[in-house]
Amino acid sequence: MQTKTYICQNCACQEFISRPSLYDIFEHQEGKLVFVKSEIMEEKIELFCRECSEKLDFDQTDLTF
C-alpha cells in the first residue's frame, strides 16, 4: 500500500494550519500558563497551507491527534 503525501499544489509546502475551529486550552497553575489540551469545535477540520493559505484537499480519516 502506498503512503499518501500531502504537499501544497500551489507552493509545495508540507506544513498546514487549521482554521480557528481548533482551540488550545491553557490553565493557570502556580503563576504559569500550562497547556492542558486542544479542543476541536467542529466535526470537519479544514487545513490550509502555512505558506500560501491554499486549502488542502485531504481525507478526514488521515488526521491523527
PDB file of N, CA and C in Angstrom:
ATOM      1  N   MET A   1       0.837  -1.180   0.000  1.00  0.00           N
ATOM      2  CA  MET A   1       0.000   0.000   0.000  1.00  0.00           C
ATOM      3  C   MET A   1       0.884   1.246   0.000  1.00  0.00           C
ATOM      4  N   GLN A   2       0.584   2.187  -0.874  1.00  0.00           N
ATOM      5  CA  GLN A   2       1.369   3.406  -0.984  1.00  0.00           C
ATOM      6  C   GLN A   2       0.921   4.446   0.046  1.00  0.00           C
ATOM      7  N   THR A   3       1.896   5.084   0.691  1.00  0.00           N
ATOM      8  CA  THR A   3       1.611   6.120   1.668  1.00  0.00           C
ATOM      9  C   THR A   3       1.256   7.415   0.953  1.00  0.00           C
ATOM     10  N   LYS A   4       0.207   8.086   1.434  1.00  0.00           N
ATOM     11  CA  LYS A   4      -0.188   9.364   0.852  1.00  0.00           C
ATOM     12  C   LYS A   4       0.811  10.436   1.252  1.00  0.00           C
ATOM     13  N   THR A   5       1.041  11.378   0.369  1.00  0.00           N
ATOM     14  CA  THR A   5       1.902  12.513   0.668  1.00  0.00           C
ATOM     15  C   THR A   5       1.086  13.774   0.476  1.00  0.00           C
ATOM     16  N   TYR A   6       1.039  14.591   1.509  1.00  0.00           N
ATOM     17  CA  TYR A   6       0.311  15.852   1.425  1.00  0.00           C
ATOM     18  C   TYR A   6       1.298  16.980   1.199  1.00  0.00           C
ATOM     19  N   ILE A   7       1.196  17.590   0.027  1.00  0.00           N
ATOM     20  CA  ILE A   7       2.042  18.714  -0.364  1.00  0.00           C
ATOM     21  C   ILE A   7       1.133  19.751  -1.008  1.00  0.00           C
ATOM     22  N   CYS A   8       1.332  21.017  -0.676  1.00  0.00           N
ATOM     23  CA  CYS A   8       0.542  22.083  -1.289  1.00  0.00           C
ATOM     24  C   CYS A   8       0.765  22.070  -2.800  1.00  0.00           C
ATOM     25  N   GLN A   9      -0.313  22.016  -3.542  1.00  0.00           N
ATOM     26  CA  GLN A   9      -0.224  22.008  -5.004  1.00  0.00           C
ATOM     27  C   GLN A   9       0.210  23.359  -5.561  1.00  0.00           C
ATOM     28  N   ASN A  10       0.064  24.396  -4.763  1.00  0.00           N
ATOM     29  CA  ASN A  10       0.398  25.749  -5.207  1.00  0.00           C
ATOM     30  C   ASN A  10       1.880  26.089  -4.997  1.00  0.00           C
ATOM     31  N   CYS A  11       2.431  25.741  -3.806  1.00  0.00           N
ATOM     32  CA  CYS A  11       3.795  26.170  -3.495  1.00  0.00           C
ATOM     33  C   CYS A  11       4.698  25.044  -2.980  1.00  0.00           C
ATOM     34  N   ALA A  12       4.185  23.826  -2.884  1.00  0.00           N
ATOM     35  CA  ALA A  12       4.941  22.635  -2.458  1.00  0.00           C
ATOM     36  C   ALA A  12       5.288  22.608  -0.971  1.00  0.00           C
ATOM     37  N   CYS A  13       4.691  23.478  -0.179  1.00  0.00           N
ATOM     38  CA  CYS A  13       4.903  23.472   1.268  1.00  0.00           C
ATOM     39  C   CYS A  13       4.290  22.194   1.853  1.00  0.00           C
ATOM     40  N   GLN A  14       4.876  21.688   2.942  1.00  0.00           N
ATOM     41  CA  GLN A  14       4.368  20.481   3.584  1.00  0.00           C
ATOM     42  C   GLN A  14       3.849  20.735   4.995  1.00  0.00           C
ATOM     43  N   GLU A  15       3.625  22.000   5.362  1.00  0.00           N
ATOM     44  CA  GLU A  15       3.070  22.351   6.666  1.00  0.00           C
ATOM     45  C   GLU A  15       1.708  22.989   6.462  1.00  0.00           C
ATOM     46  N   PHE A  16       0.760  22.594   7.307  1.00  0.00           N
ATOM     47  CA  PHE A  16      -0.609  23.071   7.167  1.00  0.00           C
ATOM     48  C   PHE A  16      -1.143  23.546   8.510  1.00  0.00           C
ATOM     49  N   ILE A  17      -2.028  24.537   8.468  1.00  0.00           N
ATOM     50  CA  ILE A  17      -2.626  25.100   9.674  1.00  0.00           C
ATOM     51  C   ILE A  17      -4.143  24.940   9.604  1.00  0.00           C
ATOM     52  N   SER A  18      -4.779  24.904  10.767  1.00  0.00           N
ATOM     53  CA  SER A  18      -6.233  24.751  10.811  1.00  0.00           C
ATOM     54  C   SER A  18      -6.902  26.114  10.901  1.00  0.00           C
ATOM     55  N   ARG A  19      -8.171  26.116  10.606  1.00  0.00           N
ATOM     56  CA  ARG A  19      -8.984  27.314  10.831  1.00  0.00           C
ATOM     57  C   ARG A  19      -9.169  27.480  12.327  1.00  0.00           C
ATOM     58  N   PRO A  20      -9.765  28.570  12.746  1.00  0.00           N
ATOM     59  CA  PRO A  20      -9.965  28.751  14.179  1.00  0.00           C
ATOM     60  C   PRO A  20     -11.058  27.861  14.757  1.00  0.00           C
ATOM     61  N   SER A  21     -11.097  26.609  14.352  1.00  0.00           N
ATOM     62  CA  SER A  21     -12.034  25.656  14.943  1.00  0.00           C
ATOM     63  C   SER A  21     -11.297  24.740  15.913  1.00  0.00           C
ATOM     64  N   LEU A  22     -10.002  24.966  16.042  1.00  0.00           N
ATOM     65  CA  LEU A  22      -9.178  24.190  16.961  1.00  0.00           C
ATOM     66  C   LEU A  22      -8.639  25.136  18.018  1.00  0.00           C
ATOM     67  N   TYR A  23      -8.917  24.831  19.257  1.00  0.00           N
ATOM     68  CA  TYR A  23      -8.520  25.717  20.340  1.00  0.00           C
ATOM     69  C   TYR A  23      -7.588  24.995  21.300  1.00  0.00           C
ATOM     70  N   ASP A  24      -6.452  25.605  21.577  1.00  0.00           N
ATOM     71  CA  ASP A  24      -5.554  25.098  22.604  1.00  0.00           C
ATOM     72  C   ASP A  24      -5.995  25.683  23.940  1.00  0.00           C
ATOM     73  N   ILE A  25      -6.117  24.825  24.940  1.00  0.00           N
ATOM     74  CA  ILE A  25      -6.574  25.231  26.262  1.00  0.00           C
ATOM     75  C   ILE A  25      -5.373  25.290  27.198  1.00  0.00           C
ATOM     76  N   PHE A  26      -5.176  26.449  27.831  1.00  0.00           N
ATOM     77  CA  PHE A  26      -4.121  26.641  28.819  1.00  0.00           C
ATOM     78  C   PHE A  26      -4.769  26.940  30.158  1.00  0.00           C
ATOM     79  N   GLU A  27      -4.122  26.533  31.215  1.00  0.00           N
ATOM     80  CA  GLU A  27      -4.653  26.733  32.558  1.00  0.00           C
ATOM     81  C   GLU A  27      -3.585  27.409  33.429  1.00  0.00           C
ATOM     82  N   HIS A  28      -4.029  28.325  34.259  1.00  0.00           N
ATOM     83  CA  HIS A  28      -3.116  28.995  35.183  1.00  0.00           C
ATOM     84  C   HIS A  28      -2.765  28.038  36.317  1.00  0.00           C
ATOM     85  N   GLN A  29      -1.476  27.784  36.513  1.00  0.00           N
ATOM     86  CA  GLN A  29      -1.018  26.917  37.596  1.00  0.00           C
ATOM     87  C   GLN A  29       0.260  27.502  38.182  1.00  0.00           C
ATOM     88  N   GLU A  30       0.209  27.900  39.433  1.00  0.00           N
ATOM     89  CA  GLU A  30       1.375  28.398  40.156  1.00  0.00           C
ATOM     90  C   GLU A  30       2.125  29.498  39.391  1.00  0.00           C
ATOM     91  N   GLY A  31       1.365  30.469  38.880  1.00  0.00           N
ATOM     92  CA  GLY A  31       1.970  31.600  38.199  1.00  0.00           C
ATOM     93  C   GLY A  31       2.395  31.341  36.762  1.00  0.00           C
ATOM     94  N   LYS A  32       2.070  30.186  36.217  1.00  0.00           N
ATOM     95  CA  LYS A  32       2.427  29.833  34.838  1.00  0.00           C
ATOM     96  C   LYS A  32       1.169  29.488  34.061  1.00  0.00           C
ATOM     97  N   LEU A  33       1.236  29.585  32.721  1.00  0.00           N
ATOM     98  CA  LEU A  33       0.171  29.105  31.845  1.00  0.00           C
ATOM     99  C   LEU A  33       0.607  27.752  31.310  1.00  0.00           C
ATOM    100  N   VAL A  34      -0.128  26.701  31.664  1.00  0.00           N
ATOM    101  CA  VAL A  34       0.232  25.333  31.335  1.00  0.00           C
ATOM    102  C   VAL A  34      -0.750  24.778  30.306  1.00  0.00           C
ATOM    103  N   PHE A  35      -0.207  24.198  29.210  1.00  0.00           N
ATOM    104  CA  PHE A  35      -1.051  23.578  28.190  1.00  0.00           C
ATOM    105  C   PHE A  35      -1.795  22.398  28.800  1.00  0.00           C
ATOM    106  N   VAL A  36      -3.123  22.351  28.577  1.00  0.00           N
ATOM    107  CA  VAL A  36      -3.946  21.272  29.109  1.00  0.00           C
ATOM    108  C   VAL A  36      -4.368  20.325  27.989  1.00  0.00           C
ATOM    109  N   LYS A  37      -4.994  20.885  26.931  1.00  0.00           N
ATOM    110  CA  LYS A  37      -5.474  20.061  25.826  1.00  0.00           C
ATOM    111  C   LYS A  37      -5.898  20.946  24.665  1.00  0.00           C
ATOM    112  N   SER A  38      -6.190  20.316  23.543  1.00  0.00           N
ATOM    113  CA  SER A  38      -6.764  21.001  22.388  1.00  0.00           C
ATOM    114  C   SER A  38      -8.195  20.519  22.221  1.00  0.00           C
ATOM    115  N   GLU A  39      -9.085  21.427  21.850  1.00  0.00           N
ATOM    116  CA  GLU A  39     -10.473  21.068  21.600  1.00  0.00           C
ATOM    117  C   GLU A  39     -10.839  21.444  20.175  1.00  0.00           C
ATOM    118  N   ILE A  40     -11.516  20.545  19.509  1.00  0.00           N
ATOM    119  CA  ILE A  40     -11.999  20.787  18.151  1.00  0.00           C
ATOM    120  C   ILE A  40     -13.460  21.170  18.257  1.00  0.00           C
ATOM    121  N   MET A  41     -13.805  22.332  17.722  1.00  0.00           N
ATOM    122  CA  MET A  41     -15.153  22.856  17.877  1.00  0.00           C
ATOM    123  C   MET A  41     -16.096  22.436  16.743  1.00  0.00           C
ATOM    124  N   GLU A  42     -15.560  21.899  15.671  1.00  0.00           N
ATOM    125  CA  GLU A  42     -16.376  21.466  14.544  1.00  0.00           C
ATOM    126  C   GLU A  42     -16.021  20.026  14.215  1.00  0.00           C
ATOM    127  N   GLU A  43     -16.968  19.301  13.640  1.00  0.00           N
ATOM    128  CA  GLU A  43     -16.687  17.916  13.270  1.00  0.00           C
ATOM    129  C   GLU A  43     -15.714  17.841  12.107  1.00  0.00           C
ATOM    130  N   LYS A  44     -15.832  18.744  11.160  1.00  0.00           N
ATOM    131  CA  LYS A  44     -14.977  18.720   9.980  1.00  0.00           C
ATOM    132  C   LYS A  44     -13.868  19.758  10.147  1.00  0.00           C
ATOM    133  N   ILE A  45     -12.641  19.321  10.021  1.00  0.00           N
ATOM    134  CA  ILE A  45     -11.497  20.215  10.129  1.00  0.00           C
ATOM    135  C   ILE A  45     -11.049  20.604   8.730  1.00  0.00           C
ATOM    136  N   GLU A  46     -10.788  21.880   8.535  1.00  0.00           N
ATOM    137  CA  GLU A  46     -10.231  22.367   7.281  1.00  0.00           C
ATOM    138  C   GLU A  46      -8.775  22.734   7.526  1.00  0.00           C
ATOM    139  N   LEU A  47      -7.905  22.367   6.586  1.00  0.00           N
ATOM    140  CA  LEU A  47      -6.488  22.697   6.694  1.00  0.00           C
ATOM    141  C   LEU A  47      -6.079  23.562   5.514  1.00  0.00           C
ATOM    142  N   PHE A  48      -5.123  24.459   5.797  1.00  0.00           N
ATOM    143  CA  PHE A  48      -4.647  25.397   4.796  1.00  0.00           C
ATOM    144  C   PHE A  48      -3.128  25.422   4.814  1.00  0.00           C
ATOM    145  N   CYS A  49      -2.540  25.646   3.660  1.00  0.00           N
ATOM    146  CA  CYS A  49      -1.093  25.732   3.546  1.00  0.00           C
ATOM    147  C   CYS A  49      -0.581  26.862   4.438  1.00  0.00           C
ATOM    148  N   ARG A  50       0.471  26.577   5.177  1.00  0.00           N
ATOM    149  CA  ARG A  50       1.034  27.580   6.085  1.00  0.00           C
ATOM    150  C   ARG A  50       1.690  28.724   5.320  1.00  0.00           C
ATOM    151  N   GLU A  51       2.175  28.450   4.120  1.00  0.00           N
ATOM    152  CA  GLU A  51       2.888  29.464   3.341  1.00  0.00           C
ATOM    153  C   GLU A  51       1.963  30.337   2.489  1.00  0.00           C
ATOM    154  N   CYS A  52       1.030  29.710   1.754  1.00  0.00           N
ATOM    155  CA  CYS A  52       0.238  30.482   0.788  1.00  0.00           C
ATOM    156  C   CYS A  52      -1.266  30.461   1.064  1.00  0.00           C
ATOM    157  N   SER A  53      -1.708  29.757   2.095  1.00  0.00           N
ATOM    158  CA  SER A  53      -3.118  29.679   2.515  1.00  0.00           C
ATOM    159  C   SER A  53      -4.021  28.895   1.567  1.00  0.00           C
ATOM    160  N   GLU A  54      -3.459  28.152   0.638  1.00  0.00           N
ATOM    161  CA  GLU A  54      -4.247  27.298  -0.253  1.00  0.00           C
ATOM    162  C   GLU A  54      -4.933  26.216   0.580  1.00  0.00           C
ATOM    163  N   LYS A  55      -6.219  25.972   0.328  1.00  0.00           N
ATOM    164  CA  LYS A  55      -6.959  24.954   1.073  1.00  0.00           C
ATOM    165  C   LYS A  55      -6.480  23.564   0.646  1.00  0.00           C
ATOM    166  N   LEU A  56      -6.246  22.692   1.631  1.00  0.00           N
ATOM    167  CA  LEU A  56      -5.777  21.336   1.371  1.00  0.00           C
ATOM    168  C   LEU A  56      -6.961  20.394   1.225  1.00  0.00           C
ATOM    169  N   ASP A  57      -6.970  19.626   0.159  1.00  0.00           N
ATOM    170  CA  ASP A  57      -7.978  18.593  -0.039  1.00  0.00           C
ATOM    171  C   ASP A  57      -7.393  17.304   0.541  1.00  0.00           C
ATOM    172  N   PHE A  58      -8.005  16.798   1.623  1.00  0.00           N
ATOM    173  CA  PHE A  58      -7.459  15.621   2.289  1.00  0.00           C
ATOM    174  C   PHE A  58      -8.580  14.746   2.826  1.00  0.00           C
ATOM    175  N   ASP A  59      -8.244  13.525   3.149  1.00  0.00           N
ATOM    176  CA  ASP A  59      -9.180  12.569   3.711  1.00  0.00           C
ATOM    177  C   ASP A  59      -9.212  12.747   5.226  1.00  0.00           C
ATOM    178  N   GLN A  60     -10.382  13.021   5.782  1.00  0.00           N
ATOM    179  CA  GLN A  60     -10.519  13.252   7.225  1.00  0.00           C
ATOM    180  C   GLN A  60      -9.996  12.065   8.043  1.00  0.00           C
ATOM    181  N   THR A  61     -10.034  10.866   7.483  1.00  0.00           N
ATOM    182  CA  THR A  61      -9.550   9.690   8.203  1.00  0.00           C
ATOM    183  C   THR A  61      -8.030   9.672   8.321  1.00  0.00           C
ATOM    184  N   ASP A  62      -7.336  10.555   7.615  1.00  0.00           N
ATOM    185  CA  ASP A  62      -5.877  10.645   7.710  1.00  0.00           C
ATOM    186  C   ASP A  62      -5.412  11.522   8.854  1.00  0.00           C
ATOM    187  N   LEU A  63      -6.338  12.187   9.557  1.00  0.00           N
ATOM    188  CA  LEU A  63      -5.967  13.029  10.695  1.00  0.00           C
ATOM    189  C   LEU A  63      -5.598  12.173  11.896  1.00  0.00           C
ATOM    190  N   THR A  64      -4.509  12.533  12.557  1.00  0.00           N
ATOM    191  CA  THR A  64      -4.070  11.842  13.764  1.00  0.00           C
ATOM    192  C   THR A  64      -3.787  12.872  14.841  1.00  0.00           C
ATOM    193  N   PHE A  65      -4.290  12.645  16.048  1.00  0.00           N
ATOM    194  CA  PHE A  65      -4.061  13.562  17.168  1.00  0.00           C
ATOM    195  C   PHE A  65      -3.330  12.850  18.267  1.00  0.00           C
TER     196      PHE A  65
END
